[in-house]
Amino acid sequence: MAKSGYHHGDLRTAMLTAAAEQIAADGIDAISLRGLARRAGVSHAAPAHHFGDRAGLLTALAIEGHHLLGAELDSAGPDFRDVAVAYVRFALNHPAHFDVMFRRDLLHADNPELRAARTRSGAALRADGRKRATQLAAWSLVHGFAALWREGALTDSTLADSTDPEELARTMLATVQFD
């Protein structure tokens, strides 16, 4: 097999992209460093050089996800409901990242870069000075909604009066008073 993966110049990024695609298509359990190496046409040692192990790969994907989430939330503007809808949008547009970002059992949770990225992405949810309990409730609400939508639990549900997840999220959020 040709080692064409090395010729594009950024094997690390290519591996993260391939991992995200595979997780989105087949789930987290389908990911292995050897499998990704085969897909990229590189030696089985190449991914280990960049990530160390499977948890290292998933940690790198989670870090990337937190950076993407932070950018999405920052672009939503100051209105809390817009930030919440941006969170849902992120979950739908980046399913693999969303699947690994909060799975401490799969990650090197003590990784300083991961901790910093997690803090940064969460800043938009904490930016408006709301009480911690309110912040937790809001995060739980939008995270749970995003997970329910992604898992298909709202398909054909009498609770979902729209097929547009952002519209439905806005309708749901309009019923909640955040102090």
N, C-alpha and C. Protein backbone atom coordinates (compact mmCIF):
# COMPACT_ATOMS: atom_id res chain seq x y z
N MET A 1 0.84 -1.18 0.00
CA MET A 1 0.00 0.00 0.00
C MET A 1 0.89 1.24 0.00
N ALA A 2 0.57 2.22 -0.83
CA ALA A 2 1.36 3.45 -0.91
C ALA A 2 1.19 4.26 0.36
N LYS A 3 2.24 4.91 0.73
CA LYS A 3 2.21 5.74 1.93
C LYS A 3 1.82 7.16 1.57
N SER A 4 0.74 7.30 0.84
CA SER A 4 0.31 8.60 0.35
C SER A 4 -0.10 9.53 1.48
N GLY A 5 -0.44 9.02 2.63
CA GLY A 5 -0.85 9.86 3.74
C GLY A 5 0.22 10.83 4.17
N TYR A 6 1.48 10.47 3.99
CA TYR A 6 2.57 11.35 4.38
C TYR A 6 2.74 12.50 3.40
N HIS A 7 2.26 12.37 2.19
CA HIS A 7 2.52 13.36 1.16
C HIS A 7 1.66 14.60 1.28
N HIS A 8 0.60 14.56 2.04
CA HIS A 8 -0.23 15.74 2.15
C HIS A 8 0.31 16.73 3.17
N GLY A 9 1.30 16.32 3.95
CA GLY A 9 1.99 17.24 4.83
C GLY A 9 1.43 17.40 6.22
N ASP A 10 0.24 16.93 6.47
CA ASP A 10 -0.33 17.10 7.81
C ASP A 10 -1.09 15.85 8.21
N LEU A 11 -0.34 14.81 8.52
CA LEU A 11 -0.94 13.53 8.88
C LEU A 11 -1.82 13.66 10.12
N ARG A 12 -1.41 14.45 11.08
CA ARG A 12 -2.18 14.61 12.32
C ARG A 12 -3.60 15.10 12.01
N THR A 13 -3.70 16.14 11.21
CA THR A 13 -5.01 16.69 10.83
C THR A 13 -5.80 15.67 10.03
N ALA A 14 -5.12 14.98 9.11
CA ALA A 14 -5.81 13.96 8.31
C ALA A 14 -6.36 12.85 9.18
N MET A 15 -5.62 12.45 10.21
CA MET A 15 -6.08 11.40 11.12
C MET A 15 -7.29 11.88 11.93
N LEU A 16 -7.25 13.12 12.38
CA LEU A 16 -8.39 13.66 13.13
C LEU A 16 -9.64 13.74 12.25
N THR A 17 -9.44 14.16 11.02
CA THR A 17 -10.57 14.23 10.08
C THR A 17 -11.13 12.83 9.81
N ALA A 18 -10.25 11.87 9.58
CA ALA A 18 -10.69 10.49 9.34
C ALA A 18 -11.39 9.92 10.57
N ALA A 19 -10.87 10.23 11.75
CA ALA A 19 -11.50 9.74 12.99
C ALA A 19 -12.90 10.33 13.14
N ALA A 20 -13.03 11.63 12.89
CA ALA A 20 -14.34 12.28 12.99
C ALA A 20 -15.32 11.67 12.01
N GLU A 21 -14.88 11.43 10.79
CA GLU A 21 -15.75 10.82 9.78
C GLU A 21 -16.18 9.42 10.19
N GLN A 22 -15.23 8.65 10.70
CA GLN A 22 -15.57 7.27 11.08
C GLN A 22 -16.49 7.24 12.29
N ILE A 23 -16.25 8.07 13.28
CA ILE A 23 -17.13 8.11 14.45
C ILE A 23 -18.53 8.54 14.04
N ALA A 24 -18.63 9.55 13.20
CA ALA A 24 -19.94 10.01 12.73
C ALA A 24 -20.69 8.91 12.00
N ALA A 25 -19.96 8.10 11.24
CA ALA A 25 -20.59 7.04 10.46
C ALA A 25 -20.84 5.76 11.25
N ASP A 26 -19.87 5.38 12.10
CA ASP A 26 -19.91 4.06 12.70
C ASP A 26 -19.90 4.04 14.23
N GLY A 27 -19.73 5.19 14.87
CA GLY A 27 -19.67 5.24 16.32
C GLY A 27 -18.26 5.16 16.87
N ILE A 28 -18.13 5.54 18.12
CA ILE A 28 -16.81 5.59 18.78
C ILE A 28 -16.14 4.23 18.83
N ASP A 29 -16.91 3.18 19.05
CA ASP A 29 -16.32 1.85 19.19
C ASP A 29 -15.60 1.38 17.93
N ALA A 30 -15.90 2.00 16.79
CA ALA A 30 -15.27 1.59 15.52
C ALA A 30 -13.86 2.16 15.37
N ILE A 31 -13.46 3.06 16.23
CA ILE A 31 -12.17 3.73 16.08
C ILE A 31 -11.02 2.91 16.65
N SER A 32 -10.00 2.73 15.82
CA SER A 32 -8.73 2.16 16.28
C SER A 32 -7.61 2.87 15.54
N LEU A 33 -6.46 2.96 16.17
CA LEU A 33 -5.33 3.60 15.51
C LEU A 33 -4.90 2.82 14.27
N ARG A 34 -4.91 1.50 14.38
CA ARG A 34 -4.54 0.67 13.22
C ARG A 34 -5.50 0.87 12.06
N GLY A 35 -6.79 0.91 12.36
CA GLY A 35 -7.79 1.12 11.31
C GLY A 35 -7.62 2.46 10.62
N LEU A 36 -7.35 3.49 11.41
CA LEU A 36 -7.12 4.81 10.83
C LEU A 36 -5.86 4.83 9.98
N ALA A 37 -4.83 4.15 10.44
CA ALA A 37 -3.59 4.06 9.66
C ALA A 37 -3.86 3.39 8.32
N ARG A 38 -4.64 2.31 8.34
CA ARG A 38 -4.99 1.63 7.08
C ARG A 38 -5.72 2.57 6.14
N ARG A 39 -6.70 3.30 6.67
CA ARG A 39 -7.47 4.24 5.85
C ARG A 39 -6.59 5.31 5.23
N ALA A 40 -5.59 5.76 5.99
CA ALA A 40 -4.71 6.83 5.51
C ALA A 40 -3.57 6.30 4.66
N GLY A 41 -3.39 4.97 4.64
CA GLY A 41 -2.31 4.39 3.85
C GLY A 41 -0.94 4.63 4.46
N VAL A 42 -0.89 4.65 5.79
CA VAL A 42 0.39 4.85 6.48
C VAL A 42 0.66 3.67 7.39
N SER A 43 1.86 3.60 7.93
CA SER A 43 2.21 2.50 8.82
C SER A 43 1.34 2.56 10.08
N HIS A 44 1.17 1.41 10.70
CA HIS A 44 0.34 1.38 11.91
C HIS A 44 0.97 2.17 13.06
N ALA A 45 2.26 2.46 12.97
CA ALA A 45 2.94 3.23 14.01
C ALA A 45 2.74 4.74 13.85
N ALA A 46 2.36 5.19 12.67
CA ALA A 46 2.25 6.62 12.41
C ALA A 46 1.25 7.32 13.34
N PRO A 47 0.03 6.79 13.52
CA PRO A 47 -0.90 7.47 14.44
C PRO A 47 -0.39 7.49 15.88
N ALA A 48 0.26 6.43 16.29
CA ALA A 48 0.81 6.38 17.66
C ALA A 48 1.87 7.45 17.85
N HIS A 49 2.61 7.76 16.79
CA HIS A 49 3.62 8.82 16.87
C HIS A 49 2.97 10.17 17.20
N HIS A 50 1.79 10.42 16.63
CA HIS A 50 1.11 11.70 16.83
C HIS A 50 0.24 11.74 18.09
N PHE A 51 -0.35 10.61 18.47
CA PHE A 51 -1.35 10.61 19.54
C PHE A 51 -1.02 9.72 20.72
N GLY A 52 -0.06 8.85 20.58
CA GLY A 52 0.30 7.93 21.66
C GLY A 52 -0.58 6.70 21.69
N ASP A 53 -1.84 6.91 21.91
CA ASP A 53 -2.79 5.80 21.99
C ASP A 53 -4.17 6.28 21.57
N ARG A 54 -5.13 5.37 21.62
CA ARG A 54 -6.50 5.69 21.21
C ARG A 54 -7.07 6.85 22.03
N ALA A 55 -6.82 6.83 23.33
CA ALA A 55 -7.31 7.92 24.19
C ALA A 55 -6.65 9.24 23.80
N GLY A 56 -5.40 9.19 23.37
CA GLY A 56 -4.73 10.40 22.90
C GLY A 56 -5.37 10.96 21.64
N LEU A 57 -5.73 10.07 20.73
CA LEU A 57 -6.44 10.48 19.51
C LEU A 57 -7.78 11.12 19.87
N LEU A 58 -8.54 10.45 20.73
CA LEU A 58 -9.85 10.97 21.10
C LEU A 58 -9.74 12.27 21.90
N THR A 59 -8.68 12.39 22.70
CA THR A 59 -8.43 13.64 23.42
C THR A 59 -8.17 14.77 22.44
N ALA A 60 -7.35 14.51 21.42
CA ALA A 60 -7.07 15.52 20.40
C ALA A 60 -8.35 15.91 19.67
N LEU A 61 -9.20 14.94 19.40
CA LEU A 61 -10.48 15.23 18.74
C LEU A 61 -11.37 16.06 19.66
N ALA A 62 -11.38 15.75 20.94
CA ALA A 62 -12.16 16.52 21.91
C ALA A 62 -11.64 17.96 22.02
N ILE A 63 -10.34 18.12 22.02
CA ILE A 63 -9.75 19.47 22.07
C ILE A 63 -10.19 20.26 20.85
N GLU A 64 -10.08 19.63 19.68
CA GLU A 64 -10.52 20.28 18.45
C GLU A 64 -12.00 20.65 18.56
N GLY A 65 -12.80 19.74 19.09
CA GLY A 65 -14.23 19.99 19.26
C GLY A 65 -14.51 21.17 20.18
N HIS A 66 -13.78 21.27 21.27
CA HIS A 66 -13.99 22.40 22.18
C HIS A 66 -13.62 23.72 21.52
N HIS A 67 -12.58 23.71 20.68
CA HIS A 67 -12.22 24.93 19.94
C HIS A 67 -13.35 25.30 18.97
N LEU A 68 -13.86 24.31 18.26
CA LEU A 68 -14.96 24.56 17.32
C LEU A 68 -16.22 25.04 18.05
N LEU A 69 -16.52 24.41 19.18
CA LEU A 69 -17.69 24.81 19.97
C LEU A 69 -17.52 26.24 20.48
N GLY A 70 -16.35 26.56 21.00
CA GLY A 70 -16.11 27.92 21.48
C GLY A 70 -16.33 28.95 20.40
N ALA A 71 -15.84 28.67 19.20
CA ALA A 71 -16.02 29.59 18.08
C ALA A 71 -17.49 29.73 17.72
N GLU A 72 -18.20 28.61 17.71
CA GLU A 72 -19.64 28.63 17.39
C GLU A 72 -20.42 29.44 18.42
N LEU A 73 -20.11 29.24 19.68
CA LEU A 73 -20.82 29.96 20.75
C LEU A 73 -20.47 31.44 20.73
N ASP A 74 -19.21 31.76 20.50
CA ASP A 74 -18.79 33.16 20.44
C ASP A 74 -19.49 33.90 19.30
N SER A 75 -19.69 33.22 18.19
CA SER A 75 -20.32 33.86 17.03
C SER A 75 -21.82 34.05 17.21
N ALA A 76 -22.39 33.44 18.24
CA ALA A 76 -23.84 33.52 18.44
C ALA A 76 -24.28 34.88 18.98
N GLY A 77 -23.36 35.63 19.55
CA GLY A 77 -23.73 36.93 20.10
C GLY A 77 -24.06 36.83 21.57
N PRO A 78 -24.52 37.93 22.16
CA PRO A 78 -24.71 37.98 23.60
C PRO A 78 -26.01 37.35 24.12
N ASP A 79 -27.01 37.17 23.26
CA ASP A 79 -28.28 36.63 23.74
C ASP A 79 -28.13 35.16 24.11
N PHE A 80 -28.51 34.84 25.34
CA PHE A 80 -28.31 33.49 25.86
C PHE A 80 -29.04 32.44 25.02
N ARG A 81 -30.22 32.75 24.56
CA ARG A 81 -30.97 31.76 23.76
C ARG A 81 -30.29 31.50 22.42
N ASP A 82 -29.67 32.52 21.84
CA ASP A 82 -28.91 32.32 20.61
C ASP A 82 -27.68 31.45 20.87
N VAL A 83 -27.05 31.63 22.02
CA VAL A 83 -25.91 30.79 22.41
C VAL A 83 -26.37 29.34 22.55
N ALA A 84 -27.53 29.15 23.19
CA ALA A 84 -28.06 27.79 23.38
C ALA A 84 -28.36 27.12 22.04
N VAL A 85 -28.94 27.86 21.12
CA VAL A 85 -29.23 27.31 19.78
C VAL A 85 -27.93 27.01 19.05
N ALA A 86 -26.92 27.85 19.23
CA ALA A 86 -25.61 27.59 18.62
C ALA A 86 -25.02 26.29 19.16
N TYR A 87 -25.24 26.00 20.43
CA TYR A 87 -24.77 24.75 21.02
C TYR A 87 -25.43 23.56 20.32
N VAL A 88 -26.73 23.65 20.12
CA VAL A 88 -27.46 22.58 19.42
C VAL A 88 -26.94 22.45 18.00
N ARG A 89 -26.74 23.57 17.33
CA ARG A 89 -26.23 23.56 15.95
C ARG A 89 -24.87 22.86 15.90
N PHE A 90 -24.00 23.18 16.86
CA PHE A 90 -22.69 22.53 16.91
C PHE A 90 -22.85 21.01 17.02
N ALA A 91 -23.70 20.57 17.93
CA ALA A 91 -23.89 19.13 18.15
C ALA A 91 -24.36 18.43 16.87
N LEU A 92 -25.18 19.10 16.10
CA LEU A 92 -25.69 18.50 14.87
C LEU A 92 -24.68 18.55 13.74
N ASN A 93 -23.88 19.61 13.69
CA ASN A 93 -22.90 19.76 12.61
C ASN A 93 -21.58 19.04 12.86
N HIS A 94 -21.30 18.71 14.12
CA HIS A 94 -20.04 18.06 14.48
C HIS A 94 -20.33 16.85 15.39
N PRO A 95 -21.04 15.86 14.87
CA PRO A 95 -21.49 14.76 15.73
C PRO A 95 -20.35 13.97 16.38
N ALA A 96 -19.27 13.76 15.68
CA ALA A 96 -18.17 12.97 16.26
C ALA A 96 -17.51 13.73 17.40
N HIS A 97 -17.28 15.01 17.19
CA HIS A 97 -16.69 15.82 18.26
C HIS A 97 -17.61 15.81 19.48
N PHE A 98 -18.89 16.04 19.23
CA PHE A 98 -19.88 16.07 20.31
C PHE A 98 -19.89 14.74 21.07
N ASP A 99 -19.74 13.65 20.33
CA ASP A 99 -19.77 12.33 20.97
C ASP A 99 -18.58 12.08 21.90
N VAL A 100 -17.43 12.67 21.61
CA VAL A 100 -16.26 12.38 22.44
C VAL A 100 -15.96 13.46 23.47
N MET A 101 -16.38 14.67 23.25
CA MET A 101 -15.96 15.80 24.09
C MET A 101 -16.28 15.64 25.58
N PHE A 102 -17.34 14.97 25.89
CA PHE A 102 -17.79 14.89 27.27
C PHE A 102 -17.65 13.49 27.85
N ARG A 103 -16.93 12.63 27.16
CA ARG A 103 -16.73 11.23 27.57
C ARG A 103 -15.38 11.08 28.26
N ARG A 104 -15.30 11.50 29.50
CA ARG A 104 -14.05 11.47 30.25
C ARG A 104 -13.45 10.07 30.31
N ASP A 105 -14.29 9.04 30.24
CA ASP A 105 -13.79 7.67 30.28
C ASP A 105 -12.98 7.29 29.05
N LEU A 106 -13.12 8.04 27.97
CA LEU A 106 -12.41 7.76 26.73
C LEU A 106 -11.19 8.64 26.52
N LEU A 107 -11.03 9.65 27.35
CA LEU A 107 -10.03 10.69 27.13
C LEU A 107 -8.94 10.67 28.19
N HIS A 108 -7.88 11.40 27.90
CA HIS A 108 -6.89 11.73 28.93
C HIS A 108 -7.43 13.00 29.59
N ALA A 109 -8.34 12.82 30.54
CA ALA A 109 -9.09 13.93 31.12
C ALA A 109 -8.21 14.94 31.84
N ASP A 110 -7.02 14.55 32.24
CA ASP A 110 -6.11 15.45 32.94
C ASP A 110 -5.20 16.22 31.97
N ASN A 111 -5.39 16.05 30.68
CA ASN A 111 -4.57 16.74 29.68
C ASN A 111 -4.78 18.25 29.83
N PRO A 112 -3.71 19.01 30.06
CA PRO A 112 -3.85 20.46 30.27
C PRO A 112 -4.47 21.19 29.07
N GLU A 113 -4.15 20.75 27.86
CA GLU A 113 -4.72 21.40 26.68
C GLU A 113 -6.22 21.14 26.60
N LEU A 114 -6.65 19.94 26.98
CA LEU A 114 -8.07 19.63 27.01
C LEU A 114 -8.78 20.48 28.06
N ARG A 115 -8.18 20.58 29.23
CA ARG A 115 -8.79 21.37 30.29
C ARG A 115 -8.94 22.83 29.89
N ALA A 116 -7.92 23.38 29.25
CA ALA A 116 -7.98 24.77 28.79
C ALA A 116 -9.04 24.96 27.71
N ALA A 117 -9.11 24.02 26.77
CA ALA A 117 -10.10 24.10 25.69
C ALA A 117 -11.51 23.99 26.25
N ARG A 118 -11.70 23.12 27.23
CA ARG A 118 -13.01 22.94 27.86
C ARG A 118 -13.42 24.22 28.58
N THR A 119 -12.50 24.84 29.27
CA THR A 119 -12.78 26.09 29.98
C THR A 119 -13.16 27.19 28.99
N ARG A 120 -12.42 27.27 27.88
CA ARG A 120 -12.71 28.29 26.89
C ARG A 120 -14.07 28.08 26.24
N SER A 121 -14.40 26.86 25.87
CA SER A 121 -15.68 26.62 25.20
C SER A 121 -16.85 26.87 26.14
N GLY A 122 -16.65 26.63 27.42
CA GLY A 122 -17.72 26.86 28.38
C GLY A 122 -17.90 28.30 28.78
N ALA A 123 -16.95 29.16 28.40
CA ALA A 123 -17.01 30.56 28.80
C ALA A 123 -18.27 31.26 28.29
N ALA A 124 -18.71 30.92 27.10
CA ALA A 124 -19.91 31.56 26.55
C ALA A 124 -21.15 31.21 27.35
N LEU A 125 -21.17 30.03 27.93
CA LEU A 125 -22.32 29.64 28.75
C LEU A 125 -22.27 30.30 30.13
N ARG A 126 -21.09 30.78 30.52
CA ARG A 126 -20.93 31.42 31.83
C ARG A 126 -20.81 32.93 31.72
N ALA A 127 -20.83 33.48 30.52
CA ALA A 127 -20.47 34.88 30.30
C ALA A 127 -21.46 35.89 30.86
N ASP A 128 -22.67 35.53 31.08
CA ASP A 128 -23.65 36.54 31.44
C ASP A 128 -23.89 36.67 32.94
N GLY A 129 -23.06 36.07 33.76
CA GLY A 129 -23.16 36.24 35.20
C GLY A 129 -24.30 35.51 35.88
N ARG A 130 -24.89 34.57 35.21
CA ARG A 130 -25.98 33.79 35.83
C ARG A 130 -25.42 32.93 36.96
N LYS A 131 -26.30 32.57 37.86
CA LYS A 131 -25.92 31.68 38.96
C LYS A 131 -25.46 30.34 38.40
N ARG A 132 -24.57 29.70 39.15
CA ARG A 132 -24.05 28.40 38.71
C ARG A 132 -25.16 27.38 38.47
N ALA A 133 -26.12 27.33 39.36
CA ALA A 133 -27.21 26.36 39.19
C ALA A 133 -27.99 26.63 37.91
N THR A 134 -28.16 27.90 37.57
CA THR A 134 -28.86 28.25 36.33
C THR A 134 -28.03 27.87 35.12
N GLN A 135 -26.71 28.11 35.20
CA GLN A 135 -25.82 27.72 34.11
C GLN A 135 -25.86 26.21 33.88
N LEU A 136 -25.83 25.46 34.97
CA LEU A 136 -25.88 24.00 34.86
C LEU A 136 -27.21 23.54 34.28
N ALA A 137 -28.29 24.15 34.73
CA ALA A 137 -29.61 23.78 34.20
C ALA A 137 -29.71 24.08 32.71
N ALA A 138 -29.20 25.25 32.31
CA ALA A 138 -29.26 25.62 30.89
C ALA A 138 -28.42 24.69 30.04
N TRP A 139 -27.20 24.39 30.50
CA TRP A 139 -26.33 23.48 29.75
C TRP A 139 -26.97 22.10 29.65
N SER A 140 -27.51 21.61 30.75
CA SER A 140 -28.16 20.30 30.75
C SER A 140 -29.33 20.28 29.78
N LEU A 141 -30.09 21.36 29.76
CA LEU A 141 -31.24 21.45 28.87
C LEU A 141 -30.83 21.36 27.40
N VAL A 142 -29.88 22.19 26.99
CA VAL A 142 -29.52 22.19 25.57
C VAL A 142 -28.71 20.96 25.19
N HIS A 143 -27.88 20.47 26.11
CA HIS A 143 -27.11 19.25 25.81
C HIS A 143 -28.08 18.07 25.67
N GLY A 144 -29.01 17.98 26.59
CA GLY A 144 -30.00 16.90 26.52
C GLY A 144 -30.85 16.98 25.27
N PHE A 145 -31.29 18.19 24.92
CA PHE A 145 -32.07 18.36 23.70
C PHE A 145 -31.27 17.92 22.48
N ALA A 146 -30.00 18.37 22.41
CA ALA A 146 -29.16 18.00 21.27
C ALA A 146 -28.98 16.49 21.18
N ALA A 147 -28.76 15.85 22.33
CA ALA A 147 -28.59 14.39 22.34
C ALA A 147 -29.88 13.69 21.91
N LEU A 148 -31.01 14.14 22.42
CA LEU A 148 -32.29 13.53 22.03
C LEU A 148 -32.54 13.68 20.53
N TRP A 149 -32.25 14.86 20.00
CA TRP A 149 -32.45 15.09 18.56
C TRP A 149 -31.53 14.17 17.75
N ARG A 150 -30.25 14.14 18.12
CA ARG A 150 -29.27 13.34 17.38
C ARG A 150 -29.59 11.85 17.43
N GLU A 151 -30.10 11.39 18.54
CA GLU A 151 -30.40 9.97 18.69
C GLU A 151 -31.73 9.57 18.07
N GLY A 152 -32.46 10.55 17.53
CA GLY A 152 -33.73 10.26 16.88
C GLY A 152 -34.90 10.11 17.82
N ALA A 153 -34.71 10.42 19.08
CA ALA A 153 -35.78 10.24 20.06
C ALA A 153 -36.95 11.19 19.81
N LEU A 154 -36.72 12.30 19.11
CA LEU A 154 -37.80 13.25 18.86
C LEU A 154 -38.49 13.04 17.52
N THR A 155 -37.98 12.09 16.74
CA THR A 155 -38.62 11.77 15.47
C THR A 155 -39.99 11.16 15.75
N ASP A 156 -41.00 11.70 15.12
CA ASP A 156 -42.39 11.25 15.28
C ASP A 156 -42.90 11.39 16.71
N SER A 157 -42.25 12.20 17.51
CA SER A 157 -42.70 12.44 18.88
C SER A 157 -43.78 13.52 18.87
N THR A 158 -44.77 13.33 19.69
CA THR A 158 -45.81 14.36 19.81
C THR A 158 -45.25 15.62 20.49
N LEU A 159 -44.08 15.52 21.10
CA LEU A 159 -43.46 16.68 21.73
C LEU A 159 -42.75 17.58 20.72
N ALA A 160 -42.43 17.04 19.55
CA ALA A 160 -41.71 17.80 18.54
C ALA A 160 -42.68 18.27 17.47
N ASP A 161 -43.03 19.55 17.53
CA ASP A 161 -43.97 20.09 16.56
C ASP A 161 -43.27 20.73 15.36
N SER A 162 -41.98 20.46 15.21
CA SER A 162 -41.22 20.98 14.09
C SER A 162 -40.16 19.95 13.69
N THR A 163 -39.80 19.96 12.41
CA THR A 163 -38.71 19.10 11.95
C THR A 163 -37.40 19.87 11.88
N ASP A 164 -37.43 21.12 12.28
CA ASP A 164 -36.23 21.96 12.31
C ASP A 164 -35.72 22.02 13.75
N PRO A 165 -34.56 21.42 14.03
CA PRO A 165 -34.08 21.37 15.41
C PRO A 165 -33.82 22.74 16.02
N GLU A 166 -33.36 23.68 15.22
CA GLU A 166 -33.10 25.02 15.77
C GLU A 166 -34.41 25.71 16.13
N GLU A 167 -35.41 25.58 15.28
CA GLU A 167 -36.72 26.16 15.57
C GLU A 167 -37.33 25.53 16.82
N LEU A 168 -37.24 24.22 16.91
CA LEU A 168 -37.77 23.53 18.07
C LEU A 168 -37.01 23.92 19.34
N ALA A 169 -35.71 24.06 19.24
CA ALA A 169 -34.91 24.48 20.40
C ALA A 169 -35.32 25.88 20.85
N ARG A 170 -35.52 26.79 19.90
CA ARG A 170 -35.96 28.15 20.25
C ARG A 170 -37.32 28.12 20.94
N THR A 171 -38.23 27.31 20.41
CA THR A 171 -39.56 27.20 21.02
C THR A 171 -39.44 26.67 22.44
N MET A 172 -38.63 25.65 22.63
CA MET A 172 -38.42 25.07 23.96
C MET A 172 -37.81 26.11 24.90
N LEU A 173 -36.78 26.81 24.44
CA LEU A 173 -36.08 27.79 25.27
C LEU A 173 -36.97 28.97 25.64
N ALA A 174 -37.93 29.30 24.80
CA ALA A 174 -38.85 30.40 25.09
C ALA A 174 -39.76 30.10 26.28
N THR A 175 -39.88 28.84 26.63
CA THR A 175 -40.76 28.47 27.74
C THR A 175 -40.04 28.47 29.09
N VAL A 176 -38.72 28.68 29.04
CA VAL A 176 -37.92 28.59 30.25
C VAL A 176 -37.45 29.97 30.69
N GLN A 177 -37.59 30.25 31.98
CA GLN A 177 -37.10 31.50 32.54
C GLN A 177 -35.74 31.24 33.20
N PHE A 178 -34.70 31.84 32.67
CA PHE A 178 -33.36 31.71 33.25
C PHE A 178 -33.11 32.93 34.12
N ASP A 179 -32.81 32.71 35.43
CA ASP A 179 -32.53 33.88 36.27
C ASP A 179 -31.08 34.23 36.25
